N, C-alpha and C. Protein backbone atom coordinates (compact mmCIF):
# COMPACT_ATOMS: atom_id res chain seq x y z
N MET A 1 97.77 -13.94 7.97
CA MET A 1 97.92 -15.11 8.26
C MET A 1 96.53 -16.06 8.53
N ILE A 2 95.49 -15.47 8.90
CA ILE A 2 94.18 -15.92 9.08
C ILE A 2 93.15 -15.16 8.68
N SER A 3 91.87 -15.63 8.23
CA SER A 3 90.97 -14.80 7.92
C SER A 3 90.22 -14.17 9.09
N THR A 4 89.52 -13.00 8.78
CA THR A 4 89.10 -12.43 9.90
C THR A 4 87.64 -11.72 9.90
N ARG A 5 86.67 -12.00 10.45
CA ARG A 5 85.34 -11.07 10.19
C ARG A 5 85.41 -9.88 10.67
N LEU A 6 85.38 -9.10 9.92
CA LEU A 6 85.33 -7.55 10.46
C LEU A 6 84.09 -7.26 11.42
N ILE A 7 84.01 -6.79 12.40
CA ILE A 7 82.85 -6.42 13.25
C ILE A 7 83.33 -5.25 13.74
N PRO A 8 82.08 -4.37 14.17
CA PRO A 8 82.10 -3.21 14.70
C PRO A 8 83.32 -2.89 16.05
N LEU A 9 84.31 -2.08 16.23
CA LEU A 9 84.98 -1.95 17.15
C LEU A 9 84.07 -1.75 18.59
N ALA A 10 83.05 -1.22 18.28
CA ALA A 10 82.19 -0.99 19.48
C ALA A 10 82.04 -2.44 20.14
N ALA A 11 81.97 -3.65 19.50
CA ALA A 11 81.68 -4.66 19.83
C ALA A 11 82.53 -5.32 20.76
N ILE A 12 83.68 -4.41 20.85
CA ILE A 12 84.98 -5.05 22.05
C ILE A 12 84.29 -5.14 23.25
N ILE A 13 83.43 -4.12 23.63
CA ILE A 13 82.86 -4.05 25.09
C ILE A 13 81.74 -4.70 25.40
N LEU A 14 81.56 -6.30 24.87
CA LEU A 14 80.52 -7.03 25.25
C LEU A 14 80.77 -7.91 26.38
N CYS A 15 80.09 -7.45 27.71
CA CYS A 15 80.82 -8.09 28.54
C CYS A 15 79.74 -9.34 29.25
N ALA A 16 80.09 -10.43 29.39
CA ALA A 16 79.37 -11.43 29.88
C ALA A 16 79.12 -11.40 31.46
N GLY A 17 80.08 -10.71 31.99
CA GLY A 17 80.10 -10.70 33.60
C GLY A 17 81.49 -9.71 33.73
N CYS A 18 81.48 -9.01 34.75
CA CYS A 18 82.74 -8.20 34.85
C CYS A 18 83.15 -8.13 36.46
N ASN A 19 84.44 -8.14 36.64
CA ASN A 19 85.11 -7.93 37.68
C ASN A 19 85.26 -6.45 37.87
N PRO A 20 85.77 -5.92 38.99
CA PRO A 20 85.84 -4.28 39.18
C PRO A 20 87.07 -4.06 38.27
N GLY A 21 86.76 -3.09 37.28
CA GLY A 21 87.68 -2.54 36.53
C GLY A 21 88.04 -3.38 35.22
N TYR A 22 87.67 -4.47 34.99
CA TYR A 22 87.93 -5.21 34.19
C TYR A 22 86.51 -6.13 33.42
N CYS A 23 86.69 -6.29 32.24
CA CYS A 23 85.45 -7.00 31.42
C CYS A 23 86.16 -8.45 31.43
N SER A 24 85.17 -9.33 32.04
CA SER A 24 85.89 -10.98 32.10
C SER A 24 85.82 -11.49 30.74
N ALA A 25 84.86 -11.02 29.95
CA ALA A 25 85.07 -11.82 28.52
C ALA A 25 84.07 -11.12 27.47
N ASN A 26 84.63 -11.04 26.44
CA ASN A 26 83.58 -10.43 25.31
C ASN A 26 83.53 -11.71 24.38
N LEU A 27 82.19 -11.95 24.29
CA LEU A 27 81.71 -13.27 23.81
C LEU A 27 81.02 -13.02 22.47
N ASP A 28 81.30 -13.82 21.66
CA ASP A 28 80.72 -13.78 20.12
C ASP A 28 79.21 -14.43 20.63
N LEU A 29 78.34 -13.57 20.85
CA LEU A 29 76.99 -14.08 20.95
C LEU A 29 76.35 -14.77 19.82
N ALA A 30 76.70 -14.55 18.40
CA ALA A 30 76.08 -15.23 17.50
C ALA A 30 76.62 -16.75 17.63
N GLY A 31 77.51 -17.29 18.56
CA GLY A 31 78.20 -18.52 18.49
C GLY A 31 76.76 -19.26 19.38
N SER A 32 76.78 -20.40 19.02
CA SER A 32 75.86 -21.56 19.75
C SER A 32 76.59 -22.73 19.80
N PRO A 33 76.58 -23.36 21.00
CA PRO A 33 76.86 -24.78 20.71
C PRO A 33 76.14 -25.71 20.08
N ASP A 34 75.14 -25.41 19.64
CA ASP A 34 74.19 -26.12 18.76
C ASP A 34 74.62 -26.45 17.13
N GLY A 35 74.92 -25.26 16.87
CA GLY A 35 75.51 -25.15 15.24
C GLY A 35 76.70 -25.73 14.98
N PRO A 36 76.68 -26.37 13.52
CA PRO A 36 77.90 -26.97 13.24
C PRO A 36 78.79 -25.89 13.03
N GLY A 37 80.25 -26.36 13.73
CA GLY A 37 81.26 -25.58 13.68
C GLY A 37 81.25 -24.34 14.53
N ALA A 38 80.10 -24.13 15.53
CA ALA A 38 80.09 -23.30 16.36
C ALA A 38 81.08 -23.25 17.69
N TYR A 39 81.38 -22.02 17.91
CA TYR A 39 82.40 -21.77 19.12
C TYR A 39 81.86 -22.71 20.33
N PRO A 40 82.74 -23.24 21.04
CA PRO A 40 82.46 -24.30 22.08
C PRO A 40 81.59 -23.39 23.09
N GLY A 41 80.67 -24.06 23.75
CA GLY A 41 79.46 -23.20 24.51
C GLY A 41 80.26 -22.99 26.25
N ALA A 42 79.62 -22.17 26.79
CA ALA A 42 79.87 -22.02 28.09
C ALA A 42 79.77 -23.36 28.98
N PRO A 43 80.31 -23.49 30.16
CA PRO A 43 81.17 -22.48 30.86
C PRO A 43 82.36 -22.27 30.43
N TYR A 44 82.81 -20.88 30.65
CA TYR A 44 84.45 -20.57 30.09
C TYR A 44 85.02 -20.34 31.79
N GLY A 45 86.23 -20.37 31.47
CA GLY A 45 87.05 -19.96 32.52
C GLY A 45 88.45 -19.77 32.07
N SER A 46 89.44 -19.34 33.01
CA SER A 46 90.66 -19.02 32.98
C SER A 46 91.76 -19.75 33.31
N ASP A 47 91.23 -20.88 33.94
CA ASP A 47 92.24 -21.97 34.57
C ASP A 47 92.57 -23.10 33.48
N VAL A 48 93.87 -23.67 33.74
CA VAL A 48 94.07 -24.92 32.85
C VAL A 48 93.15 -25.88 32.83
N GLY A 49 92.48 -26.21 31.74
CA GLY A 49 91.48 -27.41 31.79
C GLY A 49 90.15 -26.68 31.50
N SER A 50 89.95 -25.42 31.28
CA SER A 50 88.93 -24.53 30.98
C SER A 50 88.80 -24.23 29.52
N THR A 51 87.74 -23.83 29.04
CA THR A 51 87.57 -23.17 27.93
C THR A 51 87.61 -21.87 27.86
N ILE A 52 88.41 -21.23 27.18
CA ILE A 52 88.54 -19.86 26.65
C ILE A 52 87.34 -19.16 26.27
N ALA A 53 86.83 -18.17 26.53
CA ALA A 53 85.51 -17.38 26.01
C ALA A 53 86.07 -16.96 24.59
N ASN A 54 85.05 -16.72 23.90
CA ASN A 54 85.59 -16.23 22.47
C ASN A 54 85.77 -14.70 22.61
N LEU A 55 86.62 -14.25 23.00
CA LEU A 55 87.31 -12.89 23.20
C LEU A 55 87.32 -12.05 21.84
N SER A 56 87.10 -10.95 21.88
CA SER A 56 87.31 -10.12 20.88
C SER A 56 88.11 -8.99 21.55
N ILE A 57 89.01 -8.72 20.41
CA ILE A 57 90.06 -7.53 20.92
C ILE A 57 90.57 -6.81 19.69
N ALA A 58 90.77 -5.59 20.00
CA ALA A 58 91.40 -4.68 18.72
C ALA A 58 92.87 -5.11 18.62
N GLY A 59 93.41 -5.21 17.30
CA GLY A 59 94.63 -5.34 17.17
C GLY A 59 94.96 -5.26 15.70
N THR A 60 96.24 -5.89 15.40
CA THR A 60 96.77 -5.92 14.08
C THR A 60 97.22 -7.36 13.63
N GLN A 61 96.96 -7.81 12.58
CA GLN A 61 97.42 -8.99 12.16
C GLN A 61 98.85 -8.88 11.18
N ARG A 62 99.64 -9.95 11.44
CA ARG A 62 100.72 -10.09 10.47
C ARG A 62 100.44 -10.97 9.30
N ASP A 63 101.00 -10.64 8.44
CA ASP A 63 100.79 -11.49 7.08
C ASP A 63 101.96 -12.47 6.94
N ASP A 64 101.88 -13.68 6.99
CA ASP A 64 103.06 -14.53 6.70
C ASP A 64 103.24 -14.52 5.25
N ASN A 65 102.75 -14.19 4.43
CA ASN A 65 103.11 -14.08 3.13
C ASN A 65 103.90 -12.84 2.74
N LYS A 66 103.90 -11.89 3.63
CA LYS A 66 104.75 -10.72 3.56
C LYS A 66 105.97 -10.39 4.64
N ASN A 67 106.27 -11.91 4.98
CA ASN A 67 107.35 -11.97 6.05
C ASN A 67 107.11 -11.28 7.27
N GLY A 68 105.78 -11.32 7.75
CA GLY A 68 105.42 -10.76 8.98
C GLY A 68 105.00 -9.36 9.32
N THR A 69 105.07 -8.58 7.71
CA THR A 69 104.62 -7.31 7.83
C THR A 69 102.92 -7.01 8.19
N PRO A 70 102.57 -6.07 8.68
CA PRO A 70 101.13 -6.02 8.97
C PRO A 70 100.39 -6.17 7.89
N SER A 71 99.25 -7.13 7.74
CA SER A 71 98.29 -7.21 6.81
C SER A 71 97.51 -5.97 6.21
N ASP A 72 97.29 -5.40 7.28
CA ASP A 72 96.58 -4.10 6.82
C ASP A 72 96.90 -3.07 7.79
N ASP A 73 97.02 -1.88 7.57
CA ASP A 73 97.21 -0.66 8.41
C ASP A 73 96.22 -0.38 9.76
N PRO A 74 95.01 -0.42 9.50
CA PRO A 74 94.05 0.15 10.54
C PRO A 74 93.83 -1.03 11.21
N LEU A 75 93.48 -0.82 12.65
CA LEU A 75 93.17 -1.90 13.68
C LEU A 75 92.14 -2.38 13.34
N ARG A 76 91.78 -3.83 13.43
CA ARG A 76 90.70 -4.65 13.16
C ARG A 76 90.21 -5.33 14.33
N THR A 77 89.30 -5.85 14.44
CA THR A 77 88.75 -6.83 15.48
C THR A 77 89.00 -8.30 15.28
N ILE A 78 90.02 -8.62 16.13
CA ILE A 78 90.16 -10.11 16.18
C ILE A 78 89.36 -11.05 17.04
N THR A 79 88.95 -12.04 16.77
CA THR A 79 88.17 -12.78 17.77
C THR A 79 89.00 -14.29 17.91
N LEU A 80 89.08 -14.90 19.23
CA LEU A 80 89.74 -16.36 19.19
C LEU A 80 89.07 -17.21 18.26
N ASP A 81 87.77 -16.91 17.75
CA ASP A 81 87.20 -18.06 16.85
C ASP A 81 87.88 -17.79 15.50
N ASP A 82 88.68 -16.88 15.40
CA ASP A 82 89.46 -16.62 13.78
C ASP A 82 90.35 -17.62 13.82
N TYR A 83 90.85 -17.77 15.09
CA TYR A 83 92.01 -19.03 14.97
C TYR A 83 91.45 -20.53 15.33
N ARG A 84 90.20 -20.63 15.86
CA ARG A 84 89.86 -21.88 15.94
C ARG A 84 89.20 -22.13 14.72
N VAL A 85 88.63 -21.55 13.70
CA VAL A 85 88.26 -21.99 12.45
C VAL A 85 89.15 -22.21 11.29
N ASP A 86 90.45 -21.57 11.80
CA ASP A 86 91.52 -21.90 10.77
C ASP A 86 91.96 -23.35 10.54
N PRO A 87 91.88 -23.90 9.60
CA PRO A 87 92.14 -25.47 9.42
C PRO A 87 93.74 -25.80 9.64
N GLY A 88 94.45 -24.77 9.46
CA GLY A 88 95.99 -25.05 9.40
C GLY A 88 96.41 -24.79 11.05
N LEU A 89 95.52 -24.52 11.95
CA LEU A 89 96.09 -23.92 13.23
C LEU A 89 95.69 -25.18 14.11
N ARG A 90 96.83 -25.76 15.24
CA ARG A 90 96.39 -26.54 16.25
C ARG A 90 96.51 -25.82 17.69
N VAL A 91 97.55 -24.95 17.57
CA VAL A 91 97.57 -24.25 18.85
C VAL A 91 97.80 -22.82 18.94
N LEU A 92 96.98 -21.95 19.78
CA LEU A 92 97.31 -20.61 19.89
C LEU A 92 97.67 -20.28 21.19
N VAL A 93 98.97 -19.54 21.08
CA VAL A 93 99.51 -18.98 22.24
C VAL A 93 99.12 -17.41 22.45
N ILE A 94 98.60 -17.05 23.60
CA ILE A 94 98.41 -15.81 23.89
C ILE A 94 99.59 -15.24 24.90
N LEU A 95 100.07 -14.10 24.69
CA LEU A 95 101.19 -13.40 25.54
C LEU A 95 100.68 -12.16 26.00
N VAL A 96 100.91 -11.88 27.13
CA VAL A 96 100.74 -10.41 27.76
C VAL A 96 102.04 -10.04 28.27
N ALA A 97 102.63 -8.81 27.78
CA ALA A 97 103.60 -8.05 28.24
C ALA A 97 103.52 -6.70 28.56
N ALA A 98 104.45 -6.03 29.01
CA ALA A 98 104.40 -4.52 29.04
C ALA A 98 105.83 -3.99 28.64
N GLU A 99 105.60 -2.76 28.28
CA GLU A 99 106.75 -1.81 27.37
C GLU A 99 107.93 -1.64 28.46
N TRP A 100 107.78 -1.70 29.59
CA TRP A 100 108.62 -1.38 30.66
C TRP A 100 109.35 -2.50 31.08
N CYS A 101 108.91 -3.61 30.64
CA CYS A 101 109.24 -4.95 31.82
C CYS A 101 110.54 -5.67 30.94
N LEU A 102 111.78 -5.56 31.60
CA LEU A 102 112.89 -6.16 31.03
C LEU A 102 112.78 -7.71 30.70
N PRO A 103 111.89 -8.56 31.54
CA PRO A 103 111.74 -10.16 31.10
C PRO A 103 111.05 -10.18 29.83
N CYS A 104 110.13 -9.30 29.64
CA CYS A 104 109.20 -9.24 28.55
C CYS A 104 110.15 -8.90 27.11
N GLN A 105 111.07 -7.94 27.50
CA GLN A 105 111.99 -7.59 26.51
C GLN A 105 112.98 -8.80 26.10
N ASN A 106 113.23 -9.48 27.23
CA ASN A 106 114.38 -10.76 26.91
C ASN A 106 113.51 -11.81 26.36
N GLU A 107 112.27 -11.69 26.60
CA GLU A 107 111.77 -13.24 25.93
C GLU A 107 111.31 -12.90 24.55
N GLN A 108 111.35 -11.81 23.94
CA GLN A 108 111.07 -11.54 22.51
C GLN A 108 111.74 -12.16 21.51
N LYS A 109 113.17 -12.48 21.65
CA LYS A 109 114.01 -13.15 20.95
C LYS A 109 113.64 -14.59 20.62
N GLU A 110 113.49 -15.18 21.99
CA GLU A 110 113.12 -16.34 21.96
C GLU A 110 111.41 -16.78 21.31
N LEU A 111 110.81 -15.89 21.51
CA LEU A 111 109.28 -16.00 20.94
C LEU A 111 109.45 -15.94 19.56
N VAL A 112 110.03 -15.02 19.03
CA VAL A 112 110.18 -14.61 17.43
C VAL A 112 110.81 -15.87 16.74
N ALA A 113 112.15 -16.51 17.36
CA ALA A 113 112.54 -17.63 17.01
C ALA A 113 111.60 -18.61 16.96
N GLU A 114 110.97 -19.02 18.18
CA GLU A 114 110.06 -20.26 18.23
C GLU A 114 108.93 -20.04 17.07
N TYR A 115 108.36 -18.98 16.92
CA TYR A 115 107.31 -18.64 16.01
C TYR A 115 108.01 -19.15 14.51
N GLN A 116 108.89 -18.38 13.94
CA GLN A 116 109.44 -18.75 12.68
C GLN A 116 109.75 -20.20 12.52
N ALA A 117 110.08 -20.95 13.59
CA ALA A 117 110.54 -22.28 13.48
C ALA A 117 109.39 -22.99 13.17
N TYR A 118 108.22 -22.95 14.06
CA TYR A 118 106.77 -23.52 13.89
C TYR A 118 106.38 -23.20 12.67
N ARG A 119 106.41 -21.89 12.31
CA ARG A 119 105.70 -21.56 11.03
C ARG A 119 106.63 -22.47 9.86
N ASN A 120 107.91 -22.51 9.84
CA ASN A 120 108.59 -23.24 8.91
C ASN A 120 108.14 -24.46 8.76
N GLU A 121 108.08 -25.10 9.83
CA GLU A 121 107.49 -26.57 9.99
C GLU A 121 105.99 -26.91 9.63
N LYS A 122 105.44 -25.71 9.51
CA LYS A 122 103.83 -25.86 9.32
C LYS A 122 103.28 -26.44 10.26
N ALA A 123 103.69 -26.44 11.52
CA ALA A 123 103.27 -26.99 12.91
C ALA A 123 101.92 -26.87 13.25
N GLY A 124 101.09 -25.57 12.69
CA GLY A 124 99.98 -25.01 13.17
C GLY A 124 99.94 -24.16 14.43
N VAL A 125 100.71 -23.25 14.80
CA VAL A 125 100.94 -22.69 15.90
C VAL A 125 100.78 -21.06 15.59
N ALA A 126 99.82 -20.55 16.09
CA ALA A 126 99.64 -18.83 16.00
C ALA A 126 99.96 -18.31 17.51
N MET A 127 100.49 -17.05 17.29
CA MET A 127 100.69 -16.37 18.66
C MET A 127 100.06 -15.03 18.36
N LEU A 128 99.43 -14.46 19.60
CA LEU A 128 98.92 -12.99 19.69
C LEU A 128 99.47 -12.61 20.99
N GLU A 129 100.14 -11.28 20.80
CA GLU A 129 100.91 -10.85 21.92
C GLU A 129 100.13 -9.52 22.14
N ALA A 130 99.72 -9.19 23.48
CA ALA A 130 99.36 -8.01 23.91
C ALA A 130 100.30 -7.25 24.69
N ILE A 131 100.54 -6.17 24.31
CA ILE A 131 101.33 -5.20 25.02
C ILE A 131 100.42 -4.02 25.83
N THR A 132 100.44 -4.30 27.05
CA THR A 132 99.26 -3.50 27.83
C THR A 132 99.69 -2.21 28.43
N GLN A 133 100.81 -2.13 28.66
CA GLN A 133 101.51 -0.77 29.28
C GLN A 133 102.53 -0.23 28.79
N LYS A 134 102.76 1.06 28.62
CA LYS A 134 103.82 1.63 27.96
C LYS A 134 104.92 1.69 28.89
N ALA A 135 106.05 2.03 28.31
CA ALA A 135 107.33 2.34 29.34
C ALA A 135 107.05 2.98 30.71
N ASN A 136 106.12 3.99 30.84
CA ASN A 136 105.63 4.68 31.91
C ASN A 136 104.52 4.14 32.60
N SER A 137 104.08 3.01 32.37
CA SER A 137 102.95 2.26 33.06
C SER A 137 101.79 2.76 32.58
N SER A 138 101.54 3.72 31.81
CA SER A 138 100.42 4.29 31.19
C SER A 138 99.77 3.15 30.41
N PRO A 139 98.26 3.07 29.96
CA PRO A 139 97.95 2.00 29.15
C PRO A 139 98.37 2.31 27.65
N ALA A 140 98.75 0.88 27.18
CA ALA A 140 99.37 0.91 25.74
C ALA A 140 98.40 1.61 25.01
N ASP A 141 98.67 1.53 23.45
CA ASP A 141 97.94 2.16 22.47
C ASP A 141 98.49 1.41 21.22
N ALA A 142 97.89 1.96 20.14
CA ALA A 142 98.24 1.31 18.69
C ALA A 142 99.70 1.57 18.48
N GLU A 143 99.96 2.72 18.67
CA GLU A 143 101.58 3.31 18.64
C GLU A 143 102.35 2.28 19.18
N THR A 144 102.06 2.08 20.68
CA THR A 144 102.92 1.35 21.27
C THR A 144 103.11 -0.17 20.78
N ILE A 145 102.43 -0.79 20.20
CA ILE A 145 102.56 -2.07 19.49
C ILE A 145 103.19 -2.03 18.11
N ALA A 146 102.99 -0.84 17.62
CA ALA A 146 103.71 -0.73 16.34
C ALA A 146 105.19 -0.71 16.47
N ASN A 147 105.55 0.31 17.47
CA ASN A 147 106.81 0.38 17.86
C ASN A 147 107.36 -0.91 18.48
N TRP A 148 106.69 -1.71 19.03
CA TRP A 148 107.31 -2.88 19.78
C TRP A 148 107.51 -3.78 18.72
N ALA A 149 106.63 -3.87 17.88
CA ALA A 149 106.51 -4.97 16.53
C ALA A 149 107.78 -4.63 15.71
N THR A 150 108.03 -3.39 15.41
CA THR A 150 109.47 -2.72 14.78
C THR A 150 110.59 -3.25 15.36
N HIS A 151 110.63 -2.80 16.72
CA HIS A 151 111.89 -3.07 17.27
C HIS A 151 112.21 -4.27 17.53
N TYR A 152 111.36 -5.23 17.81
CA TYR A 152 112.00 -6.74 17.82
C TYR A 152 111.23 -7.63 16.82
N ASN A 153 111.03 -6.82 15.54
CA ASN A 153 110.84 -7.83 14.21
C ASN A 153 109.73 -8.62 14.65
N VAL A 154 108.55 -8.25 15.30
CA VAL A 154 107.45 -9.29 15.48
C VAL A 154 106.74 -10.03 14.24
N PRO A 155 106.71 -11.09 13.80
CA PRO A 155 105.98 -11.58 13.06
C PRO A 155 104.85 -12.27 13.19
N PHE A 156 104.15 -11.92 14.72
CA PHE A 156 102.80 -12.50 14.80
C PHE A 156 101.76 -11.48 15.11
N ASP A 157 100.56 -11.75 15.23
CA ASP A 157 99.63 -10.97 15.61
C ASP A 157 99.77 -10.09 17.02
N MET A 158 99.40 -8.87 17.05
CA MET A 158 99.55 -8.18 18.22
C MET A 158 98.21 -7.21 18.55
N THR A 159 98.20 -6.99 19.77
CA THR A 159 97.02 -6.21 20.32
C THR A 159 97.52 -5.41 21.59
N PHE A 160 97.00 -4.32 21.87
CA PHE A 160 97.13 -3.54 23.34
C PHE A 160 96.14 -3.46 24.10
N ASP A 161 95.19 -4.46 23.89
CA ASP A 161 93.90 -4.75 24.64
C ASP A 161 93.36 -3.89 25.29
N PRO A 162 92.54 -2.89 24.45
CA PRO A 162 91.91 -1.56 24.94
C PRO A 162 90.95 -1.93 25.87
N GLY A 163 90.15 -3.22 25.80
CA GLY A 163 89.12 -3.57 26.66
C GLY A 163 89.70 -4.26 27.92
N ALA A 164 90.74 -4.48 28.12
CA ALA A 164 91.50 -5.21 29.29
C ALA A 164 90.61 -6.50 29.14
N VAL A 165 90.47 -7.06 27.94
CA VAL A 165 89.79 -8.50 28.00
C VAL A 165 90.66 -9.74 28.39
N LEU A 166 91.94 -9.66 28.49
CA LEU A 166 93.02 -10.56 28.81
C LEU A 166 93.33 -10.39 30.30
N ALA A 167 92.97 -9.19 30.88
CA ALA A 167 93.40 -9.31 32.23
C ALA A 167 92.89 -10.32 33.32
N PRO A 168 91.79 -11.07 33.20
CA PRO A 168 91.46 -12.31 33.95
C PRO A 168 92.37 -13.30 33.65
N TYR A 169 93.06 -13.43 32.41
CA TYR A 169 94.09 -14.49 32.26
C TYR A 169 95.64 -14.36 32.63
N SER A 170 95.82 -13.22 33.30
CA SER A 170 97.34 -13.03 33.68
C SER A 170 97.27 -12.54 35.00
N ASP A 171 98.52 -12.53 35.75
CA ASP A 171 98.64 -11.95 36.72
C ASP A 171 99.25 -10.47 36.81
N PRO A 172 98.55 -9.32 37.05
CA PRO A 172 98.82 -8.19 36.55
C PRO A 172 100.36 -7.81 37.54
N SER A 173 100.42 -8.38 38.67
CA SER A 173 101.65 -8.00 39.30
C SER A 173 103.04 -8.65 38.71
N THR A 174 103.03 -9.62 37.98
CA THR A 174 104.09 -10.31 37.14
C THR A 174 103.93 -10.55 35.50
N TYR A 175 104.79 -9.81 35.14
CA TYR A 175 105.03 -9.82 33.50
C TYR A 175 106.27 -10.78 33.07
N PRO A 176 106.15 -11.48 31.93
CA PRO A 176 105.08 -11.57 31.21
C PRO A 176 104.17 -12.60 31.34
N ALA A 177 102.94 -12.90 30.64
CA ALA A 177 102.12 -14.18 30.90
C ALA A 177 102.22 -14.97 29.88
N GLN A 178 102.00 -16.23 29.51
CA GLN A 178 101.66 -16.80 28.57
C GLN A 178 100.49 -18.01 28.77
N LEU A 179 99.79 -18.33 27.75
CA LEU A 179 98.62 -19.03 27.88
C LEU A 179 99.00 -20.05 26.51
N VAL A 180 98.69 -21.32 26.78
CA VAL A 180 98.69 -22.31 25.37
C VAL A 180 97.32 -22.78 25.45
N ILE A 181 96.49 -22.74 23.98
CA ILE A 181 95.41 -23.06 24.13
C ILE A 181 95.27 -24.10 22.77
N ARG A 182 94.58 -25.32 23.00
CA ARG A 182 94.51 -26.10 22.02
C ARG A 182 93.24 -25.59 20.82
N THR A 183 93.15 -25.51 19.71
CA THR A 183 92.29 -24.75 18.92
C THR A 183 91.18 -25.67 18.65
N SER A 184 91.41 -27.14 18.79
CA SER A 184 90.46 -27.77 18.31
C SER A 184 89.14 -27.68 19.09
N ASP A 185 89.19 -27.39 20.60
CA ASP A 185 88.13 -27.06 21.49
C ASP A 185 88.31 -25.89 22.24
N MET A 186 89.42 -25.14 22.08
CA MET A 186 89.62 -23.77 22.83
C MET A 186 89.93 -24.12 24.19
N ASN A 187 90.52 -25.12 24.55
CA ASN A 187 90.74 -25.59 25.78
C ASN A 187 92.16 -25.16 26.21
N ILE A 188 92.18 -24.40 27.34
CA ILE A 188 93.44 -23.80 27.88
C ILE A 188 94.20 -24.96 28.49
N ARG A 189 95.51 -25.30 28.00
CA ARG A 189 96.28 -26.52 28.11
C ARG A 189 97.51 -25.98 29.12
N TRP A 190 97.82 -24.76 29.33
CA TRP A 190 98.81 -24.40 29.89
C TRP A 190 98.99 -22.75 30.17
N THR A 191 99.26 -22.32 31.59
CA THR A 191 99.54 -20.96 31.56
C THR A 191 100.71 -20.92 32.65
N HIS A 192 101.19 -19.66 32.41
CA HIS A 192 102.37 -19.38 33.16
C HIS A 192 102.70 -17.78 33.44
N ASN A 193 103.23 -17.24 34.43
CA ASN A 193 103.68 -15.76 34.98
C ASN A 193 105.07 -15.79 35.04
N GLY A 194 105.50 -15.15 34.31
CA GLY A 194 107.08 -14.71 34.20
C GLY A 194 107.71 -15.43 33.08
N TYR A 195 109.05 -15.28 33.13
CA TYR A 195 109.68 -15.87 31.76
C TYR A 195 110.68 -17.02 32.19
N GLU A 196 110.60 -18.06 31.95
CA GLU A 196 111.51 -19.07 32.04
C GLU A 196 111.70 -19.69 30.78
N PRO A 197 112.90 -19.69 29.96
CA PRO A 197 113.49 -19.80 28.62
C PRO A 197 113.13 -21.41 28.51
N GLY A 198 112.58 -21.74 27.43
CA GLY A 198 112.33 -23.05 27.21
C GLY A 198 111.16 -23.32 27.68
N SER A 199 110.34 -22.93 28.47
CA SER A 199 109.05 -23.67 29.19
C SER A 199 107.83 -23.54 28.28
N LEU A 200 107.63 -22.29 27.48
CA LEU A 200 106.66 -22.11 26.58
C LEU A 200 106.80 -23.19 25.48
N LYS A 201 107.88 -23.10 25.00
CA LYS A 201 108.20 -24.37 23.90
C LYS A 201 107.83 -25.63 24.25
N ASP A 202 108.31 -26.02 25.42
CA ASP A 202 107.93 -27.39 26.02
C ASP A 202 106.27 -27.50 26.05
N ALA A 203 105.68 -26.43 26.47
CA ALA A 203 104.01 -26.32 26.63
C ALA A 203 103.42 -26.70 25.28
N ILE A 204 103.92 -25.93 24.45
CA ILE A 204 103.42 -25.98 23.08
C ILE A 204 103.68 -27.42 22.23
N ASP A 205 105.06 -27.88 22.45
CA ASP A 205 105.46 -29.05 22.14
C ASP A 205 104.49 -30.43 22.37
N SER A 206 103.86 -30.45 23.94
CA SER A 206 103.36 -31.30 24.59
C SER A 206 102.03 -31.17 23.86
N VAL A 207 101.09 -30.05 23.57
CA VAL A 207 100.09 -30.10 22.91
C VAL A 207 99.96 -30.70 21.36
N LEU A 208 101.29 -30.12 20.78
CA LEU A 208 101.27 -30.80 19.40
C LEU A 208 101.35 -32.33 19.44
N ALA A 209 102.11 -32.81 20.37
CA ALA A 209 102.21 -34.32 20.46
C ALA A 209 101.32 -34.92 20.49
N LYS A 210 99.95 -34.18 20.88
CA LYS A 210 98.85 -35.19 21.34
C LYS A 210 97.55 -35.33 20.09
């Protein structure tokens, strides 16, 4: 769906500042606010109205030209800048879920339908879903997201967030979580914890309308 610059997997753990147990952000240190087309500069934050840092995360990308099948088998490093520089995108939705979470499971049908509708309309909406815990609450892995994608026919990008870079952007006591980001400036326009049918679409449509 989007072109990706491959960088070493070791670059996943590049912390600009850490909370206990979590890396708060993996930054693209090559980016500069002075260069044309560069990722927006700091300060970064996790609240609505803040610019989200250029996170780097291991995951798999789905290929829209192959009906949502994985574009490649090996894990690759996805950066948020990959979405920003895609001229066809206007909105990035980041989703955080757990395999054991019933609301997360219930949300999947709606997510898949919404993504496919936006794709058919060429509305410019990308989604990246992180499954962070297995059914037994242990950390998720590549097999977890592969099984999840197969079970729910997920047509969008996925990660298991091995570096926990998404932890500052969601409430760990409440799954699922959703973030809506305007890709023109990587500004967080909406965040939510929990599943309320229709609320995510309303938030996406609000950004697309402007």
